[in-house]
């Protein structure tokens, strides 16, 4: 059963983190920030919604990076239960997908909790001051990619990168729920 993300608290500040990426480096929020903003995409390896959105996310990440908006993927799933989401499998997937952005492991799930992430893929778009300006889907793809789908995240972030507020509707992300650890 798919999970839908709640609306974002636009204007909220991004929460700091320091996470290990599949390239072996540790990244902080400040290190990831682009001159015109940052997109954090909560994602994972096994989710069919992520797999469907990945071609569009990669394409749009490349376009955003050219605009000074950096992108990072974060996997917060409980890999002890969902073994396709282990760090080793993340490395394999990052290489297979040829990700143009860091893919970070949130094994404590602190980043997902701080952002209020609900599902995968779910995008949080921040302006140059790391204030939330977009929360929602990559595009209208579900379990199958839609080649002609409106590029919701890209269009919102393009406006934000050029100093405008996005006035387009922000459609919630829809995908697999974050796989939370039992406390």
N, C-alpha and C. Protein backbone atom coordinates (compact mmCIF):
# COMPACT_ATOMS: atom_id res chain seq x y z
N UNK A 1 0.85 -1.18 0.00
CA UNK A 1 0.00 0.00 0.00
C UNK A 1 0.89 1.24 0.00
N UNK A 2 0.74 2.11 -1.00
CA UNK A 2 1.60 3.29 -1.07
C UNK A 2 1.29 4.29 0.05
N UNK A 3 2.33 5.06 0.38
CA UNK A 3 2.23 6.11 1.38
C UNK A 3 2.38 7.46 0.69
N UNK A 4 1.62 8.44 1.11
CA UNK A 4 1.69 9.78 0.55
C UNK A 4 2.34 10.70 1.57
N UNK A 5 3.18 11.61 1.08
CA UNK A 5 3.84 12.55 1.98
C UNK A 5 2.87 13.65 2.41
N UNK A 6 3.04 14.17 3.63
CA UNK A 6 2.22 15.31 4.05
C UNK A 6 2.76 16.59 3.41
N UNK A 7 2.00 17.68 3.46
CA UNK A 7 2.51 18.93 2.91
C UNK A 7 3.73 19.41 3.71
N UNK A 8 4.59 20.13 3.03
CA UNK A 8 5.79 20.65 3.70
C UNK A 8 5.51 21.93 4.45
N UNK A 9 6.29 22.17 5.48
CA UNK A 9 6.23 23.43 6.21
C UNK A 9 7.17 24.40 5.50
N UNK A 10 6.67 25.03 4.46
CA UNK A 10 7.50 25.89 3.63
C UNK A 10 8.11 27.01 4.48
N UNK A 11 9.38 27.26 4.23
CA UNK A 11 10.11 28.26 5.00
C UNK A 11 10.91 27.67 6.14
N UNK A 12 10.65 26.41 6.50
CA UNK A 12 11.40 25.76 7.59
C UNK A 12 12.86 25.59 7.18
N UNK A 13 13.73 25.67 8.15
CA UNK A 13 15.16 25.49 7.90
C UNK A 13 15.52 24.01 7.78
N UNK A 14 16.48 23.72 6.92
CA UNK A 14 16.98 22.35 6.77
C UNK A 14 17.67 21.91 8.05
N UNK A 15 17.51 20.66 8.41
CA UNK A 15 18.15 20.10 9.60
C UNK A 15 19.55 19.59 9.27
N UNK A 16 20.49 19.90 10.13
CA UNK A 16 21.88 19.49 9.92
C UNK A 16 22.02 17.98 10.08
N UNK A 17 23.00 17.43 9.37
CA UNK A 17 23.33 16.01 9.50
C UNK A 17 24.77 15.81 9.04
N UNK A 18 25.30 14.65 9.35
CA UNK A 18 26.60 14.20 8.86
C UNK A 18 26.44 12.71 8.58
N UNK A 19 26.46 12.35 7.29
CA UNK A 19 26.17 10.97 6.89
C UNK A 19 27.22 10.44 5.93
N UNK A 20 27.47 9.14 6.03
CA UNK A 20 28.40 8.45 5.14
C UNK A 20 27.72 8.18 3.81
N UNK A 21 28.47 8.39 2.72
CA UNK A 21 27.93 8.16 1.38
C UNK A 21 28.59 6.94 0.74
N UNK A 22 28.01 6.51 -0.34
CA UNK A 22 28.51 5.33 -1.04
C UNK A 22 29.89 5.54 -1.65
N UNK A 23 30.34 6.78 -1.76
CA UNK A 23 31.69 7.04 -2.26
C UNK A 23 32.73 7.00 -1.15
N UNK A 24 32.29 6.64 0.08
CA UNK A 24 33.21 6.52 1.22
C UNK A 24 33.45 7.82 1.96
N UNK A 25 32.88 8.92 1.50
CA UNK A 25 33.04 10.22 2.15
C UNK A 25 31.86 10.48 3.08
N UNK A 26 32.10 11.30 4.08
CA UNK A 26 31.05 11.75 4.99
C UNK A 26 30.65 13.16 4.54
N UNK A 27 29.35 13.39 4.43
CA UNK A 27 28.82 14.67 3.97
C UNK A 27 27.97 15.32 5.06
N UNK A 28 28.11 16.63 5.17
CA UNK A 28 27.25 17.42 6.05
C UNK A 28 26.28 18.22 5.17
N UNK A 29 25.26 18.73 5.79
CA UNK A 29 24.30 19.57 5.08
C UNK A 29 25.03 20.74 4.42
N UNK A 30 25.90 21.42 5.17
CA UNK A 30 26.59 22.58 4.62
C UNK A 30 27.49 22.22 3.45
N UNK A 31 28.13 21.04 3.49
CA UNK A 31 28.99 20.62 2.39
C UNK A 31 28.19 20.31 1.12
N UNK A 32 26.95 19.91 1.27
CA UNK A 32 26.11 19.54 0.12
C UNK A 32 25.44 20.73 -0.54
N UNK A 33 25.26 21.80 0.19
CA UNK A 33 24.52 22.97 -0.29
C UNK A 33 25.15 23.52 -1.57
N UNK A 34 24.31 23.76 -2.57
CA UNK A 34 24.75 24.42 -3.79
C UNK A 34 24.58 25.92 -3.66
N UNK A 35 25.16 26.66 -4.56
CA UNK A 35 25.07 28.12 -4.45
C UNK A 35 23.64 28.61 -4.57
N UNK A 36 22.77 27.84 -5.27
CA UNK A 36 21.37 28.25 -5.44
C UNK A 36 20.38 27.32 -4.75
N UNK A 37 20.88 26.35 -3.99
CA UNK A 37 19.95 25.49 -3.27
C UNK A 37 20.39 24.05 -3.18
N UNK A 38 19.49 23.24 -2.67
CA UNK A 38 19.77 21.82 -2.44
C UNK A 38 18.46 21.03 -2.49
N UNK A 39 18.51 19.88 -3.12
CA UNK A 39 17.40 18.92 -3.08
C UNK A 39 17.88 17.70 -2.33
N UNK A 40 17.13 17.30 -1.33
CA UNK A 40 17.38 16.05 -0.62
C UNK A 40 16.25 15.11 -1.01
N UNK A 41 16.64 13.99 -1.62
CA UNK A 41 15.67 12.99 -2.05
C UNK A 41 15.79 11.77 -1.14
N UNK A 42 14.76 11.52 -0.35
CA UNK A 42 14.74 10.29 0.44
C UNK A 42 14.37 9.17 -0.51
N UNK A 43 15.23 8.15 -0.58
CA UNK A 43 15.09 7.08 -1.55
C UNK A 43 15.65 5.80 -0.96
N UNK A 44 15.56 4.73 -1.68
CA UNK A 44 16.14 3.46 -1.24
C UNK A 44 16.38 2.61 -2.47
N UNK A 45 16.84 1.39 -2.26
CA UNK A 45 17.17 0.51 -3.39
C UNK A 45 16.00 -0.32 -3.88
N UNK A 46 15.14 -0.77 -2.97
CA UNK A 46 14.15 -1.79 -3.34
C UNK A 46 12.80 -1.25 -3.79
N UNK A 47 12.48 -0.03 -3.50
CA UNK A 47 11.15 0.52 -3.75
C UNK A 47 10.85 0.62 -5.25
N UNK A 48 9.73 0.04 -5.71
CA UNK A 48 9.40 0.15 -7.14
C UNK A 48 9.11 1.59 -7.58
N UNK A 49 8.65 2.44 -6.66
CA UNK A 49 8.41 3.84 -6.99
C UNK A 49 9.73 4.58 -7.22
N UNK A 50 10.75 4.25 -6.43
CA UNK A 50 12.07 4.84 -6.63
C UNK A 50 12.64 4.37 -7.97
N UNK A 51 12.53 3.08 -8.23
CA UNK A 51 13.05 2.55 -9.49
C UNK A 51 12.40 3.23 -10.69
N UNK A 52 11.10 3.48 -10.61
CA UNK A 52 10.40 4.15 -11.71
C UNK A 52 10.83 5.61 -11.83
N UNK A 53 11.07 6.27 -10.72
CA UNK A 53 11.42 7.70 -10.73
C UNK A 53 12.90 7.94 -11.02
N UNK A 54 13.75 6.92 -10.86
CA UNK A 54 15.19 7.13 -10.95
C UNK A 54 15.67 7.73 -12.27
N UNK A 55 15.19 7.30 -13.44
CA UNK A 55 15.67 7.97 -14.66
C UNK A 55 15.38 9.47 -14.66
N UNK A 56 14.19 9.86 -14.22
CA UNK A 56 13.85 11.28 -14.15
C UNK A 56 14.63 12.01 -13.10
N UNK A 57 14.84 11.38 -11.94
CA UNK A 57 15.61 12.03 -10.87
C UNK A 57 17.04 12.27 -11.32
N UNK A 58 17.65 11.29 -11.96
CA UNK A 58 19.03 11.44 -12.44
C UNK A 58 19.10 12.55 -13.50
N UNK A 59 18.19 12.51 -14.46
CA UNK A 59 18.16 13.53 -15.52
C UNK A 59 18.00 14.93 -14.91
N UNK A 60 17.05 15.05 -13.97
CA UNK A 60 16.78 16.36 -13.38
C UNK A 60 17.89 16.81 -12.45
N UNK A 61 18.54 15.87 -11.76
CA UNK A 61 19.68 16.22 -10.91
C UNK A 61 20.80 16.84 -11.75
N UNK A 62 21.06 16.27 -12.91
CA UNK A 62 22.09 16.83 -13.79
C UNK A 62 21.75 18.25 -14.21
N UNK A 63 20.48 18.48 -14.54
CA UNK A 63 20.05 19.83 -14.93
C UNK A 63 20.15 20.80 -13.75
N UNK A 64 19.77 20.35 -12.57
CA UNK A 64 19.82 21.21 -11.38
C UNK A 64 21.25 21.57 -11.00
N UNK A 65 22.15 20.61 -11.08
CA UNK A 65 23.55 20.85 -10.74
C UNK A 65 24.10 21.96 -11.63
N UNK A 66 23.70 21.97 -12.90
CA UNK A 66 24.12 23.05 -13.83
C UNK A 66 23.58 24.41 -13.39
N UNK A 67 22.46 24.42 -12.66
CA UNK A 67 21.84 25.66 -12.17
C UNK A 67 22.36 26.06 -10.80
N UNK A 68 23.29 25.31 -10.23
CA UNK A 68 23.81 25.62 -8.91
C UNK A 68 22.98 25.05 -7.78
N UNK A 69 22.13 24.09 -8.09
CA UNK A 69 21.34 23.40 -7.07
C UNK A 69 21.88 21.98 -6.95
N UNK A 70 22.46 21.67 -5.82
CA UNK A 70 22.99 20.32 -5.61
C UNK A 70 21.88 19.37 -5.21
N UNK A 71 22.15 18.08 -5.34
CA UNK A 71 21.20 17.03 -5.03
C UNK A 71 21.91 15.98 -4.20
N UNK A 72 21.20 15.41 -3.24
CA UNK A 72 21.71 14.28 -2.45
C UNK A 72 20.57 13.30 -2.22
N UNK A 73 20.88 12.02 -2.27
CA UNK A 73 19.91 10.98 -1.94
C UNK A 73 20.21 10.45 -0.56
N UNK A 74 19.18 10.15 0.21
CA UNK A 74 19.36 9.59 1.55
C UNK A 74 18.49 8.34 1.68
N UNK A 75 19.12 7.25 2.10
CA UNK A 75 18.41 6.01 2.38
C UNK A 75 18.33 5.86 3.90
N UNK A 76 17.12 5.88 4.42
CA UNK A 76 16.90 5.78 5.87
C UNK A 76 16.24 4.47 6.29
N UNK A 77 16.04 3.56 5.36
CA UNK A 77 15.34 2.32 5.69
C UNK A 77 16.12 1.44 6.65
N UNK A 78 15.40 0.64 7.42
CA UNK A 78 15.98 -0.33 8.34
C UNK A 78 16.55 -1.48 7.52
N UNK A 79 17.85 -1.45 7.28
CA UNK A 79 18.51 -2.45 6.44
C UNK A 79 18.64 -3.81 7.13
N UNK A 80 18.43 -3.86 8.45
CA UNK A 80 18.50 -5.16 9.12
C UNK A 80 17.29 -6.02 8.76
N UNK A 81 16.20 -5.39 8.37
CA UNK A 81 15.01 -6.11 7.94
C UNK A 81 14.89 -6.08 6.41
N UNK A 82 15.19 -4.95 5.80
CA UNK A 82 15.10 -4.79 4.35
C UNK A 82 16.52 -4.85 3.79
N UNK A 83 17.00 -6.07 3.59
CA UNK A 83 18.41 -6.29 3.27
C UNK A 83 18.82 -5.76 1.90
N UNK A 84 17.88 -5.48 1.02
CA UNK A 84 18.23 -4.83 -0.25
C UNK A 84 18.71 -3.40 -0.02
N UNK A 85 18.49 -2.87 1.18
CA UNK A 85 18.87 -1.49 1.48
C UNK A 85 20.12 -1.39 2.35
N UNK A 86 20.92 -2.46 2.42
CA UNK A 86 22.18 -2.38 3.18
C UNK A 86 23.13 -1.40 2.49
N UNK A 87 24.11 -0.94 3.23
CA UNK A 87 25.09 0.00 2.68
C UNK A 87 25.82 -0.62 1.48
N UNK A 88 26.16 -1.90 1.57
CA UNK A 88 26.84 -2.57 0.46
C UNK A 88 25.96 -2.57 -0.80
N UNK A 89 24.67 -2.80 -0.62
CA UNK A 89 23.74 -2.77 -1.76
C UNK A 89 23.55 -1.34 -2.26
N UNK A 90 23.63 -0.36 -1.36
CA UNK A 90 23.56 1.04 -1.79
C UNK A 90 24.72 1.36 -2.73
N UNK A 91 25.92 0.88 -2.38
CA UNK A 91 27.10 1.11 -3.22
C UNK A 91 26.86 0.50 -4.60
N UNK A 92 26.36 -0.74 -4.62
CA UNK A 92 26.07 -1.40 -5.90
C UNK A 92 25.07 -0.60 -6.72
N UNK A 93 24.00 -0.13 -6.07
CA UNK A 93 22.97 0.62 -6.78
C UNK A 93 23.49 1.96 -7.27
N UNK A 94 24.26 2.65 -6.45
CA UNK A 94 24.82 3.94 -6.88
C UNK A 94 25.66 3.77 -8.13
N UNK A 95 26.43 2.70 -8.17
CA UNK A 95 27.25 2.43 -9.35
C UNK A 95 26.39 2.01 -10.54
N UNK A 96 25.41 1.15 -10.31
CA UNK A 96 24.54 0.70 -11.41
C UNK A 96 23.75 1.86 -12.00
N UNK A 97 23.26 2.74 -11.13
CA UNK A 97 22.48 3.89 -11.59
C UNK A 97 23.37 5.02 -12.10
N UNK A 98 24.68 4.94 -11.81
CA UNK A 98 25.63 6.01 -12.15
C UNK A 98 25.14 7.35 -11.60
N UNK A 99 24.86 7.34 -10.31
CA UNK A 99 24.30 8.53 -9.67
C UNK A 99 25.23 9.73 -9.80
N UNK A 100 24.71 10.87 -10.23
CA UNK A 100 25.51 12.09 -10.34
C UNK A 100 25.51 12.89 -9.04
N UNK A 101 25.05 12.28 -7.96
CA UNK A 101 24.96 12.95 -6.67
C UNK A 101 25.29 11.95 -5.56
N UNK A 102 25.67 12.44 -4.38
CA UNK A 102 25.98 11.54 -3.26
C UNK A 102 24.74 10.78 -2.79
N UNK A 103 24.94 9.51 -2.46
CA UNK A 103 23.88 8.65 -1.94
C UNK A 103 24.27 8.31 -0.51
N UNK A 104 23.54 8.85 0.46
CA UNK A 104 23.91 8.82 1.87
C UNK A 104 23.12 7.78 2.64
N UNK A 105 23.79 7.20 3.63
CA UNK A 105 23.17 6.19 4.49
C UNK A 105 22.81 6.81 5.83
N UNK A 106 21.52 6.81 6.14
CA UNK A 106 20.99 7.33 7.40
C UNK A 106 20.62 6.14 8.29
N UNK A 107 21.62 5.39 8.72
CA UNK A 107 21.35 4.15 9.45
C UNK A 107 20.73 4.38 10.82
N UNK A 108 20.87 5.56 11.39
CA UNK A 108 20.23 5.86 12.68
C UNK A 108 18.80 6.37 12.48
N UNK A 109 18.48 6.73 11.27
CA UNK A 109 17.19 7.30 10.88
C UNK A 109 16.95 8.70 11.45
N UNK A 110 18.00 9.33 11.99
CA UNK A 110 17.85 10.66 12.56
C UNK A 110 17.51 11.71 11.51
N UNK A 111 18.11 11.60 10.33
CA UNK A 111 17.82 12.58 9.28
C UNK A 111 16.37 12.45 8.83
N UNK A 112 15.91 11.23 8.61
CA UNK A 112 14.52 11.04 8.18
C UNK A 112 13.54 11.59 9.21
N UNK A 113 13.83 11.36 10.48
CA UNK A 113 12.96 11.88 11.54
C UNK A 113 13.01 13.42 11.59
N UNK A 114 14.21 13.99 11.45
CA UNK A 114 14.35 15.44 11.50
C UNK A 114 13.59 16.13 10.36
N UNK A 115 13.57 15.50 9.20
CA UNK A 115 12.89 16.08 8.05
C UNK A 115 11.41 15.70 8.00
N UNK A 116 11.03 14.68 8.75
CA UNK A 116 9.65 14.21 8.70
C UNK A 116 9.37 13.42 7.43
N UNK A 117 10.40 12.78 6.88
CA UNK A 117 10.24 12.01 5.65
C UNK A 117 9.22 10.90 5.88
N UNK A 118 8.38 10.67 4.88
CA UNK A 118 7.32 9.68 5.01
C UNK A 118 7.46 8.52 4.04
N UNK A 119 8.01 8.81 2.85
CA UNK A 119 8.02 7.77 1.82
C UNK A 119 9.21 7.94 0.88
N UNK A 120 9.36 6.96 0.00
CA UNK A 120 10.40 7.00 -1.02
C UNK A 120 9.76 6.82 -2.39
N UNK A 121 10.13 7.65 -3.37
CA UNK A 121 10.99 8.82 -3.27
C UNK A 121 10.22 10.06 -2.81
N UNK A 122 10.85 10.84 -1.98
CA UNK A 122 10.26 12.09 -1.48
C UNK A 122 11.34 13.17 -1.53
N UNK A 123 11.03 14.28 -2.19
CA UNK A 123 12.01 15.34 -2.40
C UNK A 123 11.73 16.55 -1.51
N UNK A 124 12.80 17.05 -0.92
CA UNK A 124 12.77 18.28 -0.13
C UNK A 124 13.68 19.27 -0.85
N UNK A 125 13.11 20.36 -1.34
CA UNK A 125 13.88 21.35 -2.07
C UNK A 125 14.08 22.62 -1.26
N UNK A 126 15.35 23.01 -1.12
CA UNK A 126 15.73 24.16 -0.31
C UNK A 126 16.35 25.24 -1.18
N UNK A 127 16.14 26.50 -0.79
CA UNK A 127 16.76 27.62 -1.50
C UNK A 127 18.20 27.80 -1.03
N UNK A 128 18.83 28.85 -1.49
CA UNK A 128 20.24 29.10 -1.16
C UNK A 128 20.47 29.31 0.33
N UNK A 129 19.43 29.72 1.07
CA UNK A 129 19.53 29.90 2.52
C UNK A 129 19.07 28.67 3.29
N UNK A 130 18.88 27.57 2.56
CA UNK A 130 18.45 26.28 3.12
C UNK A 130 17.10 26.38 3.84
N UNK A 131 16.19 27.15 3.24
CA UNK A 131 14.80 27.19 3.68
C UNK A 131 13.97 26.32 2.74
N UNK A 132 13.07 25.53 3.30
CA UNK A 132 12.25 24.62 2.52
C UNK A 132 11.32 25.40 1.59
N UNK A 133 11.41 25.10 0.31
CA UNK A 133 10.56 25.75 -0.69
C UNK A 133 9.76 24.75 -1.51
N UNK A 134 10.12 23.49 -1.43
CA UNK A 134 9.41 22.46 -2.18
C UNK A 134 9.46 21.16 -1.39
N UNK A 135 8.32 20.48 -1.33
CA UNK A 135 8.27 19.14 -0.77
C UNK A 135 7.27 18.36 -1.60
N UNK A 136 7.75 17.29 -2.21
CA UNK A 136 6.83 16.51 -3.02
C UNK A 136 7.52 15.50 -3.90
N UNK A 137 6.89 15.25 -5.02
CA UNK A 137 7.31 14.18 -5.93
C UNK A 137 8.34 14.68 -6.94
N UNK A 138 9.04 13.72 -7.54
CA UNK A 138 9.94 14.04 -8.66
C UNK A 138 9.07 14.41 -9.85
N UNK A 139 8.14 13.54 -10.18
CA UNK A 139 7.19 13.75 -11.26
C UNK A 139 5.99 12.84 -11.00
N UNK A 140 5.13 12.69 -11.97
CA UNK A 140 3.91 11.91 -11.79
C UNK A 140 4.11 10.40 -11.94
N UNK A 141 5.32 9.94 -12.14
CA UNK A 141 5.58 8.50 -12.26
C UNK A 141 5.14 7.79 -10.99
N UNK A 142 4.68 6.61 -11.14
CA UNK A 142 4.31 5.77 -9.99
C UNK A 142 5.20 4.54 -10.03
N UNK A 143 4.64 3.37 -10.31
CA UNK A 143 5.46 2.16 -10.39
C UNK A 143 6.04 1.95 -11.79
N UNK A 144 5.68 2.80 -12.70
CA UNK A 144 6.22 2.79 -14.06
C UNK A 144 6.62 4.23 -14.39
N UNK A 145 7.78 4.40 -15.03
CA UNK A 145 8.16 5.76 -15.42
C UNK A 145 7.21 6.31 -16.48
N UNK A 146 6.91 7.59 -16.37
CA UNK A 146 6.08 8.27 -17.37
C UNK A 146 6.99 9.24 -18.12
N UNK A 147 7.40 8.88 -19.33
CA UNK A 147 8.39 9.68 -20.04
C UNK A 147 7.99 11.13 -20.28
N UNK A 148 6.70 11.40 -20.45
CA UNK A 148 6.26 12.77 -20.72
C UNK A 148 5.67 13.47 -19.51
N UNK A 149 5.92 12.92 -18.32
CA UNK A 149 5.36 13.50 -17.09
C UNK A 149 5.94 14.89 -16.84
N UNK A 150 5.12 15.77 -16.32
CA UNK A 150 5.60 17.11 -15.91
C UNK A 150 6.66 16.92 -14.84
N UNK A 151 7.74 17.63 -14.93
CA UNK A 151 8.88 17.50 -14.03
C UNK A 151 8.70 18.45 -12.85
N UNK A 152 7.83 18.06 -11.92
CA UNK A 152 7.41 18.92 -10.82
C UNK A 152 8.58 19.46 -10.00
N UNK A 153 9.45 18.58 -9.53
CA UNK A 153 10.57 19.01 -8.68
C UNK A 153 11.51 19.91 -9.46
N UNK A 154 11.83 19.54 -10.69
CA UNK A 154 12.73 20.35 -11.50
C UNK A 154 12.16 21.74 -11.73
N UNK A 155 10.90 21.82 -12.10
CA UNK A 155 10.30 23.13 -12.38
C UNK A 155 10.26 24.01 -11.13
N UNK A 156 9.94 23.43 -10.00
CA UNK A 156 9.92 24.19 -8.75
C UNK A 156 11.33 24.69 -8.41
N UNK A 157 12.31 23.80 -8.53
CA UNK A 157 13.68 24.18 -8.16
C UNK A 157 14.29 25.16 -9.17
N UNK A 158 13.88 25.08 -10.41
CA UNK A 158 14.35 26.05 -11.41
C UNK A 158 13.90 27.46 -10.99
N UNK A 159 12.64 27.61 -10.59
CA UNK A 159 12.13 28.90 -10.12
C UNK A 159 12.89 29.35 -8.88
N UNK A 160 13.10 28.45 -7.95
CA UNK A 160 13.80 28.77 -6.70
C UNK A 160 15.24 29.19 -6.99
N UNK A 161 15.91 28.48 -7.90
CA UNK A 161 17.30 28.81 -8.26
C UNK A 161 17.41 30.20 -8.87
N UNK A 162 16.34 30.64 -9.53
CA UNK A 162 16.35 31.96 -10.15
C UNK A 162 15.74 33.03 -9.24
N UNK A 163 15.58 32.69 -7.95
CA UNK A 163 15.15 33.67 -6.97
C UNK A 163 13.65 33.90 -6.89
N UNK A 164 12.87 33.05 -7.51
CA UNK A 164 11.41 33.20 -7.46
C UNK A 164 10.81 32.13 -6.56
N UNK A 165 9.69 32.46 -6.01
CA UNK A 165 8.94 31.44 -5.27
C UNK A 165 8.22 30.57 -6.28
N UNK A 166 8.10 29.31 -5.97
CA UNK A 166 7.34 28.44 -6.85
C UNK A 166 5.85 28.60 -6.55
N UNK A 167 5.10 28.91 -7.58
CA UNK A 167 3.66 29.12 -7.39
C UNK A 167 2.86 27.93 -7.91
N UNK A 168 3.55 26.99 -8.50
CA UNK A 168 2.87 25.80 -9.01
C UNK A 168 2.39 24.96 -7.84
N UNK A 169 1.36 24.16 -8.08
CA UNK A 169 0.94 23.26 -7.00
C UNK A 169 2.07 22.29 -6.67
N UNK A 170 2.17 21.96 -5.41
CA UNK A 170 3.16 20.99 -4.97
C UNK A 170 2.42 19.69 -4.68
N UNK A 171 2.66 18.71 -5.54
CA UNK A 171 1.99 17.43 -5.40
C UNK A 171 2.76 16.56 -4.41
N UNK A 172 2.05 15.90 -3.51
CA UNK A 172 2.74 15.07 -2.53
C UNK A 172 3.46 13.91 -3.21
N UNK A 173 4.53 13.47 -2.58
CA UNK A 173 5.22 12.27 -3.03
C UNK A 173 4.33 11.07 -2.71
N UNK A 174 4.46 10.04 -3.51
CA UNK A 174 3.73 8.80 -3.28
C UNK A 174 4.70 7.67 -3.51
N UNK A 175 4.81 6.78 -2.54
CA UNK A 175 5.74 5.66 -2.69
C UNK A 175 5.67 4.74 -1.50
N UNK A 176 6.74 3.96 -1.34
CA UNK A 176 6.83 3.04 -0.21
C UNK A 176 7.12 3.84 1.06
N UNK A 177 6.56 3.41 2.15
CA UNK A 177 6.82 4.08 3.42
C UNK A 177 8.28 3.90 3.82
N UNK A 178 8.79 4.84 4.60
CA UNK A 178 10.11 4.64 5.21
C UNK A 178 9.98 3.41 6.11
N UNK A 179 10.96 2.54 6.05
CA UNK A 179 10.94 1.31 6.86
C UNK A 179 11.63 1.61 8.19
N UNK A 180 10.82 1.96 9.17
CA UNK A 180 11.32 2.41 10.48
C UNK A 180 11.79 1.23 11.32
N UNK A 181 12.83 1.50 12.09
CA UNK A 181 13.30 0.51 13.06
C UNK A 181 12.34 0.51 14.25
N UNK A 182 12.13 -0.65 14.83
CA UNK A 182 11.32 -0.73 16.04
C UNK A 182 12.20 -0.31 17.20
N UNK A 183 11.71 0.61 17.98
CA UNK A 183 12.52 1.13 19.10
C UNK A 183 12.36 0.28 20.31
